[in-house]
N, C-alpha and C. Protein backbone atom coordinates (compact mmCIF):
# COMPACT_ATOMS: atom_id res chain seq x y z
N MET A 1 109.55 49.47 113.08
CA MET A 1 109.54 50.90 113.32
C MET A 1 110.93 51.34 113.76
N PRO A 2 111.49 52.30 113.06
CA PRO A 2 112.80 52.79 113.49
C PRO A 2 112.71 53.44 114.86
N GLY A 3 113.69 53.15 115.70
CA GLY A 3 113.73 53.76 117.01
C GLY A 3 112.83 53.11 118.03
N TYR A 4 112.02 52.12 117.61
CA TYR A 4 111.13 51.46 118.56
C TYR A 4 111.91 50.43 119.35
N ILE A 5 111.80 50.49 120.64
CA ILE A 5 112.45 49.52 121.52
C ILE A 5 111.36 48.67 122.14
N ARG A 6 111.43 47.38 121.91
CA ARG A 6 110.44 46.48 122.46
C ARG A 6 110.64 46.36 123.96
N PRO A 7 109.59 46.53 124.75
CA PRO A 7 109.75 46.43 126.20
C PRO A 7 110.12 45.01 126.61
N MET A 8 110.90 44.92 127.68
CA MET A 8 111.28 43.62 128.22
C MET A 8 110.04 42.94 128.78
N ALA A 9 110.02 41.62 128.73
CA ALA A 9 108.91 40.87 129.30
C ALA A 9 108.93 41.02 130.81
N THR A 10 107.75 41.15 131.39
CA THR A 10 107.67 41.24 132.84
C THR A 10 107.78 39.84 133.43
N ASP A 11 108.08 39.77 134.72
CA ASP A 11 108.17 38.46 135.38
C ASP A 11 106.86 37.70 135.24
N CYS A 12 105.74 38.42 135.30
CA CYS A 12 104.43 37.79 135.18
C CYS A 12 104.26 37.17 133.79
N THR A 13 104.69 37.89 132.75
CA THR A 13 104.61 37.38 131.38
C THR A 13 105.50 36.16 131.21
N VAL A 14 106.71 36.23 131.74
CA VAL A 14 107.65 35.12 131.63
C VAL A 14 107.08 33.88 132.32
N THR A 15 106.57 34.06 133.52
CA THR A 15 105.99 32.93 134.26
C THR A 15 104.82 32.33 133.50
N SER A 16 103.97 33.17 132.95
CA SER A 16 102.82 32.70 132.20
C SER A 16 103.26 31.88 131.00
N LEU A 17 104.27 32.36 130.28
CA LEU A 17 104.77 31.62 129.13
C LEU A 17 105.41 30.30 129.56
N LEU A 18 106.22 30.35 130.58
CA LEU A 18 106.92 29.14 131.02
C LEU A 18 105.97 28.08 131.55
N ASN A 19 104.80 28.47 132.01
CA ASN A 19 103.80 27.50 132.46
C ASN A 19 103.29 26.64 131.31
N ARG A 20 103.52 27.07 130.08
CA ARG A 20 103.11 26.30 128.91
C ARG A 20 104.07 25.15 128.61
N ILE A 21 105.24 25.19 129.21
CA ILE A 21 106.24 24.14 128.98
C ILE A 21 106.17 23.14 130.13
N THR A 22 106.03 21.88 129.77
CA THR A 22 105.93 20.84 130.80
C THR A 22 107.05 19.82 130.62
N ILE A 23 107.42 19.23 131.75
CA ILE A 23 108.43 18.17 131.76
C ILE A 23 107.85 17.01 132.55
N ASP A 24 107.67 15.89 131.87
CA ASP A 24 107.08 14.70 132.48
C ASP A 24 107.87 13.50 131.98
N PRO A 25 108.43 12.70 132.90
CA PRO A 25 109.23 11.54 132.47
C PRO A 25 108.46 10.58 131.57
N CYS A 26 107.13 10.62 131.61
CA CYS A 26 106.32 9.72 130.79
C CYS A 26 106.00 10.30 129.41
N VAL A 27 106.40 11.54 129.16
CA VAL A 27 106.11 12.18 127.88
C VAL A 27 107.44 12.55 127.22
N CYS A 28 107.68 11.99 126.05
CA CYS A 28 108.90 12.28 125.27
C CYS A 28 110.17 12.11 126.10
N HIS A 29 110.20 11.07 126.92
CA HIS A 29 111.38 10.73 127.73
C HIS A 29 111.83 11.87 128.64
N GLY A 30 110.88 12.69 129.08
CA GLY A 30 111.20 13.76 130.02
C GLY A 30 111.73 15.03 129.39
N LYS A 31 111.72 15.10 128.05
CA LYS A 31 112.14 16.33 127.39
C LYS A 31 111.08 17.41 127.62
N PRO A 32 111.48 18.67 127.68
CA PRO A 32 110.49 19.75 127.80
C PRO A 32 109.61 19.77 126.54
N VAL A 33 108.30 19.80 126.76
CA VAL A 33 107.34 19.83 125.65
C VAL A 33 106.34 20.96 125.86
N VAL A 34 105.63 21.27 124.79
CA VAL A 34 104.61 22.31 124.84
C VAL A 34 103.31 21.71 125.37
N ARG A 35 102.85 22.20 126.51
CA ARG A 35 101.57 21.85 127.11
C ARG A 35 101.29 20.34 127.13
N GLY A 36 102.30 19.52 127.26
CA GLY A 36 102.10 18.08 127.32
C GLY A 36 101.65 17.47 126.00
N LEU A 37 101.74 18.22 124.91
CA LEU A 37 101.23 17.76 123.61
C LEU A 37 102.23 16.95 122.80
N ARG A 38 103.35 16.60 123.40
CA ARG A 38 104.39 15.81 122.73
C ARG A 38 105.07 16.56 121.59
N TYR A 39 105.06 17.89 121.68
CA TYR A 39 105.87 18.71 120.78
C TYR A 39 107.07 19.18 121.58
N PRO A 40 108.23 18.55 121.39
CA PRO A 40 109.40 18.97 122.16
C PRO A 40 109.79 20.42 121.84
N VAL A 41 110.15 21.15 122.87
CA VAL A 41 110.62 22.53 122.70
C VAL A 41 111.76 22.55 121.70
N GLU A 42 112.66 21.61 121.82
CA GLU A 42 113.82 21.53 120.92
C GLU A 42 113.39 21.49 119.45
N SER A 43 112.36 20.71 119.13
CA SER A 43 111.89 20.59 117.75
C SER A 43 111.31 21.90 117.24
N ILE A 44 110.52 22.55 118.08
CA ILE A 44 109.92 23.83 117.69
C ILE A 44 111.02 24.85 117.43
N LEU A 45 112.02 24.88 118.31
CA LEU A 45 113.14 25.81 118.12
C LEU A 45 113.91 25.51 116.84
N GLU A 46 114.03 24.24 116.49
CA GLU A 46 114.71 23.88 115.24
C GLU A 46 113.96 24.41 114.03
N TYR A 47 112.63 24.32 114.04
CA TYR A 47 111.83 24.88 112.95
C TYR A 47 112.08 26.38 112.84
N LEU A 48 112.03 27.08 113.97
CA LEU A 48 112.20 28.53 113.95
C LEU A 48 113.63 28.90 113.54
N ALA A 49 114.62 28.17 114.05
CA ALA A 49 116.02 28.45 113.69
C ALA A 49 116.28 28.15 112.22
N GLY A 50 115.52 27.21 111.68
CA GLY A 50 115.67 26.86 110.27
C GLY A 50 115.05 27.88 109.33
N GLY A 51 114.39 28.88 109.89
CA GLY A 51 113.84 29.95 109.06
C GLY A 51 112.33 29.95 108.93
N ASP A 52 111.66 28.96 109.50
CA ASP A 52 110.20 28.95 109.45
C ASP A 52 109.67 30.10 110.30
N SER A 53 108.66 30.76 109.80
CA SER A 53 108.02 31.84 110.56
C SER A 53 107.05 31.24 111.57
N PHE A 54 106.62 32.07 112.50
CA PHE A 54 105.61 31.62 113.45
C PHE A 54 104.39 31.11 112.69
N GLU A 55 103.99 31.85 111.66
CA GLU A 55 102.80 31.48 110.90
C GLU A 55 102.96 30.12 110.23
N GLU A 56 104.15 29.84 109.71
CA GLU A 56 104.39 28.54 109.07
C GLU A 56 104.34 27.41 110.08
N VAL A 57 104.93 27.60 111.25
CA VAL A 57 104.91 26.56 112.28
C VAL A 57 103.48 26.34 112.76
N LEU A 58 102.74 27.42 112.96
CA LEU A 58 101.36 27.29 113.42
C LEU A 58 100.47 26.61 112.38
N ALA A 59 100.76 26.84 111.10
CA ALA A 59 99.99 26.16 110.05
C ALA A 59 100.31 24.67 110.03
N GLU A 60 101.57 24.32 110.30
CA GLU A 60 101.98 22.92 110.32
C GLU A 60 101.42 22.17 111.54
N PHE A 61 101.30 22.88 112.66
CA PHE A 61 100.83 22.28 113.91
C PHE A 61 99.65 23.10 114.43
N PRO A 62 98.45 22.84 113.90
CA PRO A 62 97.30 23.69 114.22
C PRO A 62 96.85 23.67 115.68
N ASP A 63 97.30 22.70 116.46
CA ASP A 63 96.90 22.70 117.88
C ASP A 63 97.81 23.57 118.74
N LEU A 64 98.83 24.19 118.12
CA LEU A 64 99.67 25.15 118.83
C LEU A 64 99.16 26.56 118.58
N VAL A 65 99.47 27.46 119.52
CA VAL A 65 99.13 28.87 119.37
C VAL A 65 100.41 29.69 119.51
N ARG A 66 100.32 30.94 119.12
CA ARG A 66 101.48 31.84 119.13
C ARG A 66 102.21 31.84 120.48
N GLU A 67 101.46 31.85 121.57
CA GLU A 67 102.06 31.87 122.90
C GLU A 67 102.89 30.62 123.17
N ASP A 68 102.54 29.50 122.55
CA ASP A 68 103.33 28.28 122.71
C ASP A 68 104.73 28.47 122.10
N LEU A 69 104.78 29.11 120.94
CA LEU A 69 106.07 29.34 120.30
C LEU A 69 106.89 30.35 121.09
N GLN A 70 106.23 31.38 121.60
CA GLN A 70 106.91 32.34 122.44
C GLN A 70 107.45 31.66 123.70
N ALA A 71 106.69 30.71 124.22
CA ALA A 71 107.11 29.98 125.42
C ALA A 71 108.36 29.16 125.14
N CYS A 72 108.45 28.57 123.96
CA CYS A 72 109.66 27.81 123.60
C CYS A 72 110.89 28.71 123.59
N ILE A 73 110.74 29.88 123.02
CA ILE A 73 111.86 30.82 122.97
C ILE A 73 112.21 31.29 124.37
N GLN A 74 111.20 31.58 125.18
CA GLN A 74 111.46 32.04 126.55
C GLN A 74 112.12 30.93 127.37
N PHE A 75 111.69 29.69 127.18
CA PHE A 75 112.29 28.56 127.88
C PHE A 75 113.77 28.44 127.53
N ALA A 76 114.10 28.58 126.25
CA ALA A 76 115.50 28.51 125.82
C ALA A 76 116.30 29.66 126.44
N THR A 77 115.70 30.84 126.46
CA THR A 77 116.37 32.00 127.05
C THR A 77 116.67 31.77 128.52
N GLU A 78 115.67 31.32 129.26
CA GLU A 78 115.85 31.09 130.70
C GLU A 78 116.85 29.96 130.94
N SER A 79 116.85 28.94 130.10
CA SER A 79 117.80 27.83 130.24
C SER A 79 119.23 28.32 130.03
N LEU A 80 119.42 29.20 129.06
CA LEU A 80 120.76 29.74 128.81
C LEU A 80 121.21 30.64 129.95
N LYS A 81 120.29 31.41 130.50
CA LYS A 81 120.63 32.25 131.64
C LYS A 81 121.10 31.39 132.81
N LEU A 82 120.38 30.34 133.07
CA LEU A 82 120.72 29.43 134.17
C LEU A 82 122.07 28.77 133.91
N ARG A 83 122.27 28.32 132.70
CA ARG A 83 123.55 27.68 132.35
C ARG A 83 124.70 28.67 132.48
N SER A 84 124.50 29.90 132.04
CA SER A 84 125.54 30.93 132.12
C SER A 84 125.92 31.20 133.57
N ARG A 85 124.92 31.23 134.45
CA ARG A 85 125.20 31.44 135.87
C ARG A 85 125.98 30.29 136.44
N ASN A 86 125.64 29.06 136.06
CA ASN A 86 126.34 27.89 136.57
C ASN A 86 127.78 27.84 136.07
N VAL A 87 128.00 28.22 134.82
CA VAL A 87 129.35 28.22 134.26
C VAL A 87 130.19 29.30 134.94
N ALA A 88 129.60 30.46 135.16
CA ALA A 88 130.33 31.56 135.81
C ALA A 88 130.69 31.23 137.25
N ALA A 89 129.85 30.45 137.92
CA ALA A 89 130.09 30.09 139.31
C ALA A 89 131.16 29.01 139.47
N ALA A 90 131.38 28.26 138.39
CA ALA A 90 132.34 27.14 138.47
C ALA A 90 133.78 27.59 138.52
């Protein structure tokens, strides 16, 4: 829609999405994964960056839901924000 501005995610939405990402040293060597399902966030982001749509990724991995993919993107966003703050402080 022309002129439509998507509202920013609220803190509650961000927290809810980020709760879908887990880090456990016993799962995928401690890499962030989706809901402990051994789908690394990094891999999901690679599919999306490679041009796969949400629908294509969800068809390939039927135990994932749309919110899981959104959580991967939000996790990357928050990680970059944190890294940017650390670099600026150095």
